[in-house]
Amino acid sequence: MFELIREDWRAYEGDICRQGLWVMVVYRFGRWRYSIRQRWLRLPFSLLYRLLKLASQILTGIDLPCETQVGRRLVIEHFGGIIISGDTVIGDDVVIRNGVTIGLKHTGIAGAPVIGNRVDIGTGAKLLGAIRIGDDVAIGANAVVLKDVPANSLAVGVPAVIKPRKLQE
């Protein structure tokens, strides 16, 4: 847990005022508590996690449950209005901006997005359903992504149109 928090600290440039960092610390703590096998020993940590998660949601407007699988160095660039489903899988070096929703397409139907490495998710984007987002993808602002996006692509529009990504040289 502490090594991942140190990586998060570096990803947020050591700025304690960035709300995304607060959420990541609470998330890492929530995941760590599952490593305590004895239920009665884990119980006080679970209670503390619930209080910290509620406080972080109120202060930041970010819902990142500890059931979500998050890779290394997730950066929540701008806070507020971010909702991530507990079934979601997020890779390494992903950037998420404000107003993003990542989750189920329909209530009661399982299947949340699996997001690759080095994905940049723009403001207000919605990623819904059992979709796969490849590595090195950019999701445009306000895009609604309902189907798979291959690696090295750009997804823009409502519903999102997939285009090849022109990498800067």
N, C-alpha and C. Protein backbone atom coordinates (compact mmCIF):
# COMPACT_ATOMS: atom_id res chain seq x y z
N MET A 1 0.82 -1.19 0.00
CA MET A 1 0.00 0.00 0.00
C MET A 1 0.87 1.26 0.00
N PHE A 2 1.88 1.31 0.83
CA PHE A 2 2.67 2.54 0.96
C PHE A 2 3.48 2.83 -0.30
N GLU A 3 3.94 1.79 -0.98
CA GLU A 3 4.67 2.01 -2.23
C GLU A 3 3.75 2.60 -3.29
N LEU A 4 2.52 2.10 -3.36
CA LEU A 4 1.55 2.65 -4.32
C LEU A 4 1.19 4.09 -3.98
N ILE A 5 1.06 4.39 -2.69
CA ILE A 5 0.77 5.78 -2.29
C ILE A 5 1.94 6.69 -2.63
N ARG A 6 3.17 6.20 -2.46
CA ARG A 6 4.35 7.01 -2.87
C ARG A 6 4.33 7.29 -4.37
N GLU A 7 3.95 6.29 -5.17
CA GLU A 7 3.82 6.50 -6.62
C GLU A 7 2.73 7.52 -6.93
N ASP A 8 1.60 7.40 -6.23
CA ASP A 8 0.52 8.37 -6.42
C ASP A 8 0.99 9.77 -6.03
N TRP A 9 1.74 9.88 -4.95
CA TRP A 9 2.28 11.16 -4.51
C TRP A 9 3.13 11.80 -5.61
N ARG A 10 3.98 11.00 -6.22
CA ARG A 10 4.82 11.51 -7.33
C ARG A 10 3.97 11.85 -8.55
N ALA A 11 2.95 11.04 -8.84
CA ALA A 11 2.07 11.31 -9.99
C ALA A 11 1.32 12.62 -9.81
N TYR A 12 1.02 12.98 -8.57
CA TYR A 12 0.33 14.24 -8.28
C TYR A 12 1.33 15.35 -7.94
N GLU A 13 2.59 15.13 -8.26
CA GLU A 13 3.67 16.11 -8.10
C GLU A 13 3.81 16.59 -6.66
N GLY A 14 3.48 15.73 -5.72
CA GLY A 14 3.63 16.06 -4.30
C GLY A 14 2.74 17.19 -3.82
N ASP A 15 1.64 17.43 -4.50
CA ASP A 15 0.74 18.53 -4.14
C ASP A 15 -0.41 17.98 -3.30
N ILE A 16 -0.34 18.19 -2.00
CA ILE A 16 -1.33 17.68 -1.06
C ILE A 16 -2.71 18.31 -1.28
N CYS A 17 -2.76 19.42 -1.99
CA CYS A 17 -4.04 20.12 -2.21
C CYS A 17 -4.86 19.53 -3.35
N ARG A 18 -4.31 18.58 -4.10
CA ARG A 18 -5.05 17.99 -5.22
C ARG A 18 -5.99 16.90 -4.71
N GLN A 19 -7.29 17.13 -4.95
CA GLN A 19 -8.32 16.25 -4.40
C GLN A 19 -8.22 14.83 -4.94
N GLY A 20 -7.72 14.66 -6.15
CA GLY A 20 -7.54 13.32 -6.70
C GLY A 20 -6.59 12.49 -5.84
N LEU A 21 -5.58 13.13 -5.28
CA LEU A 21 -4.65 12.43 -4.40
C LEU A 21 -5.36 11.95 -3.14
N TRP A 22 -6.24 12.77 -2.59
CA TRP A 22 -6.98 12.35 -1.40
C TRP A 22 -7.78 11.10 -1.68
N VAL A 23 -8.45 11.10 -2.83
CA VAL A 23 -9.28 9.95 -3.21
C VAL A 23 -8.42 8.71 -3.40
N MET A 24 -7.26 8.87 -4.01
CA MET A 24 -6.38 7.71 -4.24
C MET A 24 -5.86 7.13 -2.92
N VAL A 25 -5.55 7.98 -1.95
CA VAL A 25 -5.08 7.48 -0.66
C VAL A 25 -6.19 6.68 0.02
N VAL A 26 -7.41 7.20 0.00
CA VAL A 26 -8.55 6.47 0.59
C VAL A 26 -8.77 5.16 -0.16
N TYR A 27 -8.68 5.19 -1.50
CA TYR A 27 -8.85 3.99 -2.31
C TYR A 27 -7.79 2.94 -1.93
N ARG A 28 -6.53 3.35 -1.88
CA ARG A 28 -5.44 2.41 -1.55
C ARG A 28 -5.64 1.81 -0.16
N PHE A 29 -6.09 2.63 0.79
CA PHE A 29 -6.38 2.13 2.14
C PHE A 29 -7.51 1.11 2.09
N GLY A 30 -8.55 1.41 1.34
CA GLY A 30 -9.69 0.48 1.21
C GLY A 30 -9.27 -0.86 0.63
N ARG A 31 -8.38 -0.83 -0.37
CA ARG A 31 -7.89 -2.10 -0.95
C ARG A 31 -7.02 -2.84 0.06
N TRP A 32 -6.17 -2.11 0.77
CA TRP A 32 -5.25 -2.72 1.73
C TRP A 32 -5.99 -3.47 2.82
N ARG A 33 -7.12 -2.91 3.29
CA ARG A 33 -7.84 -3.54 4.41
C ARG A 33 -8.29 -4.95 4.07
N TYR A 34 -8.48 -5.25 2.77
CA TYR A 34 -8.86 -6.61 2.39
C TYR A 34 -7.73 -7.61 2.65
N SER A 35 -6.52 -7.13 2.82
CA SER A 35 -5.40 -8.05 3.09
C SER A 35 -5.44 -8.58 4.53
N ILE A 36 -6.26 -7.99 5.38
CA ILE A 36 -6.42 -8.47 6.76
C ILE A 36 -7.44 -9.60 6.73
N ARG A 37 -6.97 -10.81 6.97
CA ARG A 37 -7.81 -11.99 6.80
C ARG A 37 -8.87 -12.15 7.89
N GLN A 38 -8.51 -11.87 9.12
CA GLN A 38 -9.46 -12.04 10.23
C GLN A 38 -10.52 -10.94 10.17
N ARG A 39 -11.76 -11.36 10.03
CA ARG A 39 -12.87 -10.41 9.88
C ARG A 39 -12.96 -9.43 11.05
N TRP A 40 -12.81 -9.92 12.26
CA TRP A 40 -12.94 -9.06 13.44
C TRP A 40 -11.80 -8.07 13.54
N LEU A 41 -10.61 -8.39 12.99
CA LEU A 41 -9.50 -7.43 12.95
C LEU A 41 -9.72 -6.40 11.84
N ARG A 42 -10.34 -6.83 10.75
CA ARG A 42 -10.58 -5.96 9.60
C ARG A 42 -11.72 -4.97 9.86
N LEU A 43 -12.64 -5.33 10.75
CA LEU A 43 -13.84 -4.54 10.98
C LEU A 43 -13.58 -3.07 11.33
N PRO A 44 -12.68 -2.74 12.26
CA PRO A 44 -12.45 -1.31 12.53
C PRO A 44 -11.86 -0.57 11.33
N PHE A 45 -11.02 -1.25 10.54
CA PHE A 45 -10.46 -0.63 9.33
C PHE A 45 -11.55 -0.41 8.28
N SER A 46 -12.49 -1.34 8.21
CA SER A 46 -13.61 -1.19 7.28
C SER A 46 -14.49 -0.01 7.66
N LEU A 47 -14.73 0.15 8.95
CA LEU A 47 -15.51 1.29 9.42
C LEU A 47 -14.78 2.60 9.11
N LEU A 48 -13.48 2.64 9.38
CA LEU A 48 -12.69 3.83 9.07
C LEU A 48 -12.70 4.12 7.57
N TYR A 49 -12.58 3.07 6.75
CA TYR A 49 -12.63 3.26 5.30
C TYR A 49 -13.96 3.88 4.88
N ARG A 50 -15.07 3.37 5.39
CA ARG A 50 -16.38 3.90 5.02
C ARG A 50 -16.51 5.38 5.37
N LEU A 51 -16.00 5.75 6.53
CA LEU A 51 -16.04 7.17 6.93
C LEU A 51 -15.15 8.02 6.02
N LEU A 52 -13.95 7.55 5.74
CA LEU A 52 -13.03 8.28 4.87
C LEU A 52 -13.57 8.39 3.45
N LYS A 53 -14.18 7.31 2.95
CA LYS A 53 -14.74 7.34 1.59
C LYS A 53 -15.88 8.34 1.51
N LEU A 54 -16.76 8.34 2.50
CA LEU A 54 -17.87 9.29 2.51
C LEU A 54 -17.34 10.72 2.57
N ALA A 55 -16.36 10.97 3.42
CA ALA A 55 -15.77 12.32 3.52
C ALA A 55 -15.12 12.73 2.20
N SER A 56 -14.41 11.80 1.57
CA SER A 56 -13.76 12.15 0.29
C SER A 56 -14.79 12.39 -0.80
N GLN A 57 -15.89 11.64 -0.81
CA GLN A 57 -16.96 11.88 -1.78
C GLN A 57 -17.58 13.26 -1.59
N ILE A 58 -17.84 13.64 -0.35
CA ILE A 58 -18.44 14.93 -0.07
C ILE A 58 -17.49 16.06 -0.45
N LEU A 59 -16.21 15.91 -0.11
CA LEU A 59 -15.23 16.97 -0.35
C LEU A 59 -14.79 17.09 -1.80
N THR A 60 -14.83 15.98 -2.54
CA THR A 60 -14.26 16.00 -3.89
C THR A 60 -15.26 15.76 -5.01
N GLY A 61 -16.39 15.15 -4.72
CA GLY A 61 -17.34 14.80 -5.77
C GLY A 61 -16.85 13.66 -6.64
N ILE A 62 -16.00 12.80 -6.07
CA ILE A 62 -15.44 11.66 -6.80
C ILE A 62 -15.84 10.38 -6.08
N ASP A 63 -16.45 9.44 -6.83
CA ASP A 63 -16.82 8.15 -6.28
C ASP A 63 -15.93 7.08 -6.90
N LEU A 64 -14.95 6.61 -6.13
CA LEU A 64 -14.03 5.56 -6.57
C LEU A 64 -14.06 4.46 -5.52
N PRO A 65 -14.96 3.47 -5.67
CA PRO A 65 -15.04 2.40 -4.66
C PRO A 65 -13.80 1.51 -4.70
N CYS A 66 -13.49 0.92 -3.56
CA CYS A 66 -12.30 0.08 -3.47
C CYS A 66 -12.47 -1.24 -4.23
N GLU A 67 -13.66 -1.56 -4.68
CA GLU A 67 -13.87 -2.76 -5.49
C GLU A 67 -13.35 -2.58 -6.92
N THR A 68 -13.21 -1.36 -7.35
CA THR A 68 -12.65 -1.07 -8.68
C THR A 68 -11.20 -1.52 -8.69
N GLN A 69 -10.75 -2.09 -9.81
CA GLN A 69 -9.34 -2.47 -9.94
C GLN A 69 -8.60 -1.35 -10.67
N VAL A 70 -7.76 -0.66 -9.93
CA VAL A 70 -7.02 0.49 -10.47
C VAL A 70 -5.54 0.15 -10.51
N GLY A 71 -4.92 0.44 -11.65
CA GLY A 71 -3.49 0.23 -11.80
C GLY A 71 -2.68 1.30 -11.09
N ARG A 72 -1.48 1.49 -11.55
CA ARG A 72 -0.57 2.44 -10.93
C ARG A 72 -0.72 3.83 -11.54
N ARG A 73 -0.52 4.83 -10.70
CA ARG A 73 -0.41 6.23 -11.13
C ARG A 73 -1.67 6.76 -11.84
N LEU A 74 -2.85 6.38 -11.36
CA LEU A 74 -4.08 6.99 -11.87
C LEU A 74 -4.09 8.45 -11.44
N VAL A 75 -4.30 9.36 -12.37
CA VAL A 75 -4.37 10.78 -12.04
C VAL A 75 -5.77 11.29 -12.36
N ILE A 76 -6.42 11.82 -11.35
CA ILE A 76 -7.71 12.48 -11.52
C ILE A 76 -7.39 13.96 -11.61
N GLU A 77 -7.35 14.44 -12.84
CA GLU A 77 -6.81 15.76 -13.14
C GLU A 77 -7.66 16.89 -12.58
N HIS A 78 -8.94 16.82 -12.75
CA HIS A 78 -9.85 17.84 -12.22
C HIS A 78 -10.93 17.10 -11.44
N PHE A 79 -11.27 17.61 -10.30
CA PHE A 79 -12.21 16.88 -9.46
C PHE A 79 -13.65 17.31 -9.74
N GLY A 80 -14.57 16.49 -9.31
CA GLY A 80 -15.98 16.80 -9.35
C GLY A 80 -16.76 16.02 -10.38
N GLY A 81 -17.85 15.43 -9.94
CA GLY A 81 -18.77 14.74 -10.83
C GLY A 81 -18.21 13.48 -11.46
N ILE A 82 -17.26 12.82 -10.81
CA ILE A 82 -16.66 11.60 -11.36
C ILE A 82 -17.25 10.39 -10.64
N ILE A 83 -17.81 9.47 -11.44
CA ILE A 83 -18.40 8.26 -10.89
C ILE A 83 -17.80 7.07 -11.62
N ILE A 84 -17.24 6.14 -10.85
CA ILE A 84 -16.60 4.96 -11.41
C ILE A 84 -17.22 3.73 -10.76
N SER A 85 -17.70 2.80 -11.59
CA SER A 85 -18.33 1.58 -11.10
C SER A 85 -17.31 0.68 -10.41
N GLY A 86 -17.78 -0.05 -9.43
CA GLY A 86 -16.92 -0.99 -8.72
C GLY A 86 -16.46 -2.16 -9.57
N ASP A 87 -17.12 -2.40 -10.71
CA ASP A 87 -16.73 -3.50 -11.61
C ASP A 87 -15.68 -3.09 -12.63
N THR A 88 -15.33 -1.83 -12.68
CA THR A 88 -14.41 -1.30 -13.69
C THR A 88 -12.98 -1.74 -13.41
N VAL A 89 -12.20 -1.93 -14.48
CA VAL A 89 -10.78 -2.21 -14.39
C VAL A 89 -10.06 -1.08 -15.12
N ILE A 90 -9.10 -0.45 -14.43
CA ILE A 90 -8.36 0.68 -14.99
C ILE A 90 -6.88 0.34 -14.97
N GLY A 91 -6.21 0.55 -16.10
CA GLY A 91 -4.78 0.24 -16.23
C GLY A 91 -3.88 1.29 -15.61
N ASP A 92 -2.61 1.25 -15.98
CA ASP A 92 -1.60 2.17 -15.45
C ASP A 92 -1.58 3.48 -16.23
N ASP A 93 -1.18 4.55 -15.53
CA ASP A 93 -0.95 5.87 -16.14
C ASP A 93 -2.17 6.42 -16.87
N VAL A 94 -3.34 6.24 -16.30
CA VAL A 94 -4.59 6.75 -16.87
C VAL A 94 -4.87 8.13 -16.27
N VAL A 95 -5.40 9.03 -17.10
CA VAL A 95 -5.80 10.36 -16.66
C VAL A 95 -7.31 10.50 -16.84
N ILE A 96 -7.99 10.94 -15.78
CA ILE A 96 -9.43 11.15 -15.80
C ILE A 96 -9.71 12.60 -15.41
N ARG A 97 -10.60 13.23 -16.15
CA ARG A 97 -10.97 14.61 -15.86
C ARG A 97 -12.40 14.69 -15.31
N ASN A 98 -12.83 15.88 -14.92
CA ASN A 98 -14.11 16.06 -14.25
C ASN A 98 -15.31 15.65 -15.11
N GLY A 99 -16.37 15.25 -14.43
CA GLY A 99 -17.62 14.91 -15.10
C GLY A 99 -17.63 13.57 -15.80
N VAL A 100 -16.65 12.72 -15.55
CA VAL A 100 -16.55 11.43 -16.23
C VAL A 100 -17.37 10.37 -15.48
N THR A 101 -18.08 9.56 -16.25
CA THR A 101 -18.79 8.41 -15.71
C THR A 101 -18.25 7.16 -16.39
N ILE A 102 -17.85 6.19 -15.58
CA ILE A 102 -17.35 4.92 -16.10
C ILE A 102 -18.15 3.83 -15.39
N GLY A 103 -18.96 3.08 -16.16
CA GLY A 103 -19.75 2.09 -15.46
C GLY A 103 -20.66 1.26 -16.33
N LEU A 104 -21.71 0.79 -15.69
CA LEU A 104 -22.66 -0.12 -16.33
C LEU A 104 -23.51 0.62 -17.35
N LYS A 105 -23.91 -0.11 -18.40
CA LYS A 105 -24.76 0.48 -19.43
C LYS A 105 -26.23 0.48 -18.99
N HIS A 106 -26.64 -0.59 -18.33
CA HIS A 106 -28.01 -0.71 -17.84
C HIS A 106 -27.97 -1.23 -16.42
N THR A 107 -28.87 -0.75 -15.59
CA THR A 107 -28.97 -1.22 -14.21
C THR A 107 -29.32 -2.70 -14.20
N GLY A 108 -28.59 -3.44 -13.38
CA GLY A 108 -28.88 -4.85 -13.23
C GLY A 108 -28.23 -5.75 -14.26
N ILE A 109 -27.55 -5.17 -15.25
CA ILE A 109 -26.85 -5.98 -16.26
C ILE A 109 -25.35 -5.80 -16.03
N ALA A 110 -24.67 -6.90 -15.69
CA ALA A 110 -23.25 -6.85 -15.39
C ALA A 110 -22.44 -6.46 -16.62
N GLY A 111 -21.30 -5.89 -16.38
CA GLY A 111 -20.39 -5.55 -17.46
C GLY A 111 -19.99 -4.09 -17.44
N ALA A 112 -18.79 -3.83 -16.93
CA ALA A 112 -18.26 -2.48 -16.86
C ALA A 112 -17.01 -2.40 -17.74
N PRO A 113 -16.57 -1.19 -18.08
CA PRO A 113 -15.40 -1.03 -18.95
C PRO A 113 -14.10 -1.59 -18.36
N VAL A 114 -13.25 -2.05 -19.27
CA VAL A 114 -11.88 -2.42 -18.96
C VAL A 114 -11.01 -1.44 -19.73
N ILE A 115 -10.25 -0.63 -19.01
CA ILE A 115 -9.48 0.45 -19.60
C ILE A 115 -8.01 0.09 -19.58
N GLY A 116 -7.36 0.23 -20.72
CA GLY A 116 -5.95 -0.11 -20.85
C GLY A 116 -5.02 0.91 -20.21
N ASN A 117 -3.76 0.84 -20.56
CA ASN A 117 -2.72 1.72 -20.04
C ASN A 117 -2.60 2.99 -20.87
N ARG A 118 -2.21 4.08 -20.19
CA ARG A 118 -1.94 5.37 -20.84
C ARG A 118 -3.15 5.91 -21.60
N VAL A 119 -4.32 5.77 -21.00
CA VAL A 119 -5.57 6.27 -21.60
C VAL A 119 -5.85 7.66 -21.02
N ASP A 120 -6.23 8.58 -21.87
CA ASP A 120 -6.54 9.95 -21.48
C ASP A 120 -8.04 10.16 -21.69
N ILE A 121 -8.79 10.37 -20.61
CA ILE A 121 -10.24 10.48 -20.68
C ILE A 121 -10.63 11.94 -20.46
N GLY A 122 -11.25 12.54 -21.48
CA GLY A 122 -11.60 13.95 -21.45
C GLY A 122 -12.80 14.27 -20.58
N THR A 123 -12.94 15.55 -20.29
CA THR A 123 -14.01 16.08 -19.46
C THR A 123 -15.39 15.63 -19.96
N GLY A 124 -16.20 15.15 -19.04
CA GLY A 124 -17.58 14.80 -19.34
C GLY A 124 -17.79 13.53 -20.14
N ALA A 125 -16.74 12.78 -20.40
CA ALA A 125 -16.87 11.54 -21.17
C ALA A 125 -17.65 10.50 -20.38
N LYS A 126 -18.35 9.65 -21.11
CA LYS A 126 -19.11 8.55 -20.51
C LYS A 126 -18.65 7.25 -21.18
N LEU A 127 -18.16 6.31 -20.40
CA LEU A 127 -17.75 5.00 -20.90
C LEU A 127 -18.68 3.99 -20.24
N LEU A 128 -19.53 3.35 -21.05
CA LEU A 128 -20.60 2.54 -20.49
C LEU A 128 -20.65 1.14 -21.08
N GLY A 129 -20.84 0.17 -20.22
CA GLY A 129 -21.03 -1.21 -20.65
C GLY A 129 -19.75 -2.03 -20.62
N ALA A 130 -19.88 -3.27 -21.04
CA ALA A 130 -18.77 -4.22 -21.05
C ALA A 130 -17.91 -3.96 -22.29
N ILE A 131 -17.18 -2.85 -22.27
CA ILE A 131 -16.33 -2.48 -23.40
C ILE A 131 -14.87 -2.53 -23.00
N ARG A 132 -14.01 -2.60 -24.00
CA ARG A 132 -12.56 -2.59 -23.78
C ARG A 132 -11.98 -1.38 -24.45
N ILE A 133 -11.19 -0.65 -23.69
CA ILE A 133 -10.47 0.51 -24.21
C ILE A 133 -9.01 0.11 -24.26
N GLY A 134 -8.41 0.14 -25.45
CA GLY A 134 -7.03 -0.29 -25.63
C GLY A 134 -6.02 0.68 -25.04
N ASP A 135 -4.76 0.31 -25.12
CA ASP A 135 -3.67 1.17 -24.64
C ASP A 135 -3.50 2.39 -25.54
N ASP A 136 -3.02 3.47 -24.95
CA ASP A 136 -2.69 4.71 -25.68
C ASP A 136 -3.88 5.28 -26.44
N VAL A 137 -5.04 5.30 -25.78
CA VAL A 137 -6.26 5.83 -26.39
C VAL A 137 -6.56 7.19 -25.78
N ALA A 138 -7.12 8.08 -26.58
CA ALA A 138 -7.62 9.36 -26.10
C ALA A 138 -9.13 9.37 -26.29
N ILE A 139 -9.85 9.66 -25.21
CA ILE A 139 -11.31 9.78 -25.26
C ILE A 139 -11.61 11.28 -25.20
N GLY A 140 -12.28 11.79 -26.20
CA GLY A 140 -12.57 13.22 -26.28
C GLY A 140 -13.56 13.69 -25.23
N ALA A 141 -13.56 14.99 -25.01
CA ALA A 141 -14.50 15.59 -24.06
C ALA A 141 -15.94 15.30 -24.49
N ASN A 142 -16.76 14.92 -23.52
CA ASN A 142 -18.19 14.64 -23.72
C ASN A 142 -18.48 13.47 -24.64
N ALA A 143 -17.50 12.67 -24.99
CA ALA A 143 -17.74 11.49 -25.83
C ALA A 143 -18.56 10.47 -25.03
N VAL A 144 -19.41 9.75 -25.74
CA VAL A 144 -20.17 8.65 -25.13
C VAL A 144 -19.70 7.38 -25.81
N VAL A 145 -18.90 6.60 -25.10
CA VAL A 145 -18.27 5.41 -25.66
C VAL A 145 -19.09 4.19 -25.24
N LEU A 146 -19.65 3.50 -26.27
CA LEU A 146 -20.50 2.34 -26.02
C LEU A 146 -19.97 1.07 -26.67
N LYS A 147 -18.83 1.17 -27.38
CA LYS A 147 -18.23 0.00 -28.02
C LYS A 147 -16.72 0.03 -27.83
N ASP A 148 -16.10 -1.10 -28.09
CA ASP A 148 -14.66 -1.23 -27.90
C ASP A 148 -13.88 -0.19 -28.70
N VAL A 149 -12.76 0.26 -28.12
CA VAL A 149 -11.87 1.20 -28.78
C VAL A 149 -10.50 0.53 -28.87
N PRO A 150 -10.00 0.28 -30.10
CA PRO A 150 -8.70 -0.37 -30.22
C PRO A 150 -7.56 0.54 -29.76
N ALA A 151 -6.41 -0.06 -29.51
CA ALA A 151 -5.23 0.68 -29.08
C ALA A 151 -4.86 1.76 -30.11
N ASN A 152 -4.23 2.81 -29.62
CA ASN A 152 -3.75 3.92 -30.45
C ASN A 152 -4.87 4.57 -31.25
N SER A 153 -6.02 4.79 -30.60
CA SER A 153 -7.17 5.38 -31.27
C SER A 153 -7.66 6.61 -30.52
N LEU A 154 -8.56 7.31 -31.17
CA LEU A 154 -9.22 8.47 -30.62
C LEU A 154 -10.72 8.23 -30.71
N ALA A 155 -11.45 8.46 -29.62
CA ALA A 155 -12.90 8.29 -29.61
C ALA A 155 -13.53 9.65 -29.31
N VAL A 156 -14.34 10.15 -30.27
CA VAL A 156 -14.97 11.46 -30.11
C VAL A 156 -16.42 11.41 -30.56
N GLY A 157 -17.27 12.22 -29.93
CA GLY A 157 -18.64 12.37 -30.38
C GLY A 157 -19.64 11.58 -29.56
N VAL A 158 -20.92 11.76 -29.95
CA VAL A 158 -22.04 11.10 -29.29
C VAL A 158 -22.91 10.44 -30.34
N PRO A 159 -22.97 9.13 -30.42
CA PRO A 159 -22.06 8.18 -29.78
C PRO A 159 -20.67 8.30 -30.39
N ALA A 160 -19.69 7.82 -29.66
CA ALA A 160 -18.30 8.01 -30.06
C ALA A 160 -17.98 7.35 -31.40
N VAL A 161 -17.25 8.08 -32.21
CA VAL A 161 -16.71 7.58 -33.47
C VAL A 161 -15.23 7.31 -33.22
N ILE A 162 -14.77 6.16 -33.68
CA ILE A 162 -13.39 5.76 -33.45
C ILE A 162 -12.54 6.19 -34.64
N LYS A 163 -11.43 6.88 -34.34
CA LYS A 163 -10.51 7.34 -35.38
C LYS A 163 -9.10 6.93 -35.00
N PRO A 164 -8.23 6.73 -36.00
CA PRO A 164 -6.83 6.44 -35.65
C PRO A 164 -6.21 7.67 -34.99
N ARG A 165 -5.40 7.44 -34.00
CA ARG A 165 -4.76 8.54 -33.28
C ARG A 165 -3.47 8.92 -33.96
N LYS A 166 -3.31 10.18 -34.22
CA LYS A 166 -2.06 10.70 -34.80
C LYS A 166 -1.14 11.07 -33.65
N LEU A 167 -0.11 10.26 -33.46
CA LEU A 167 0.81 10.50 -32.36
C LEU A 167 1.77 11.60 -32.73
N GLN A 168 2.07 12.46 -31.74
CA GLN A 168 2.99 13.57 -31.97
C GLN A 168 4.40 13.03 -32.05
N GLU A 169 5.18 13.59 -32.95
CA GLU A 169 6.57 13.13 -33.11
C GLU A 169 7.53 14.09 -32.46
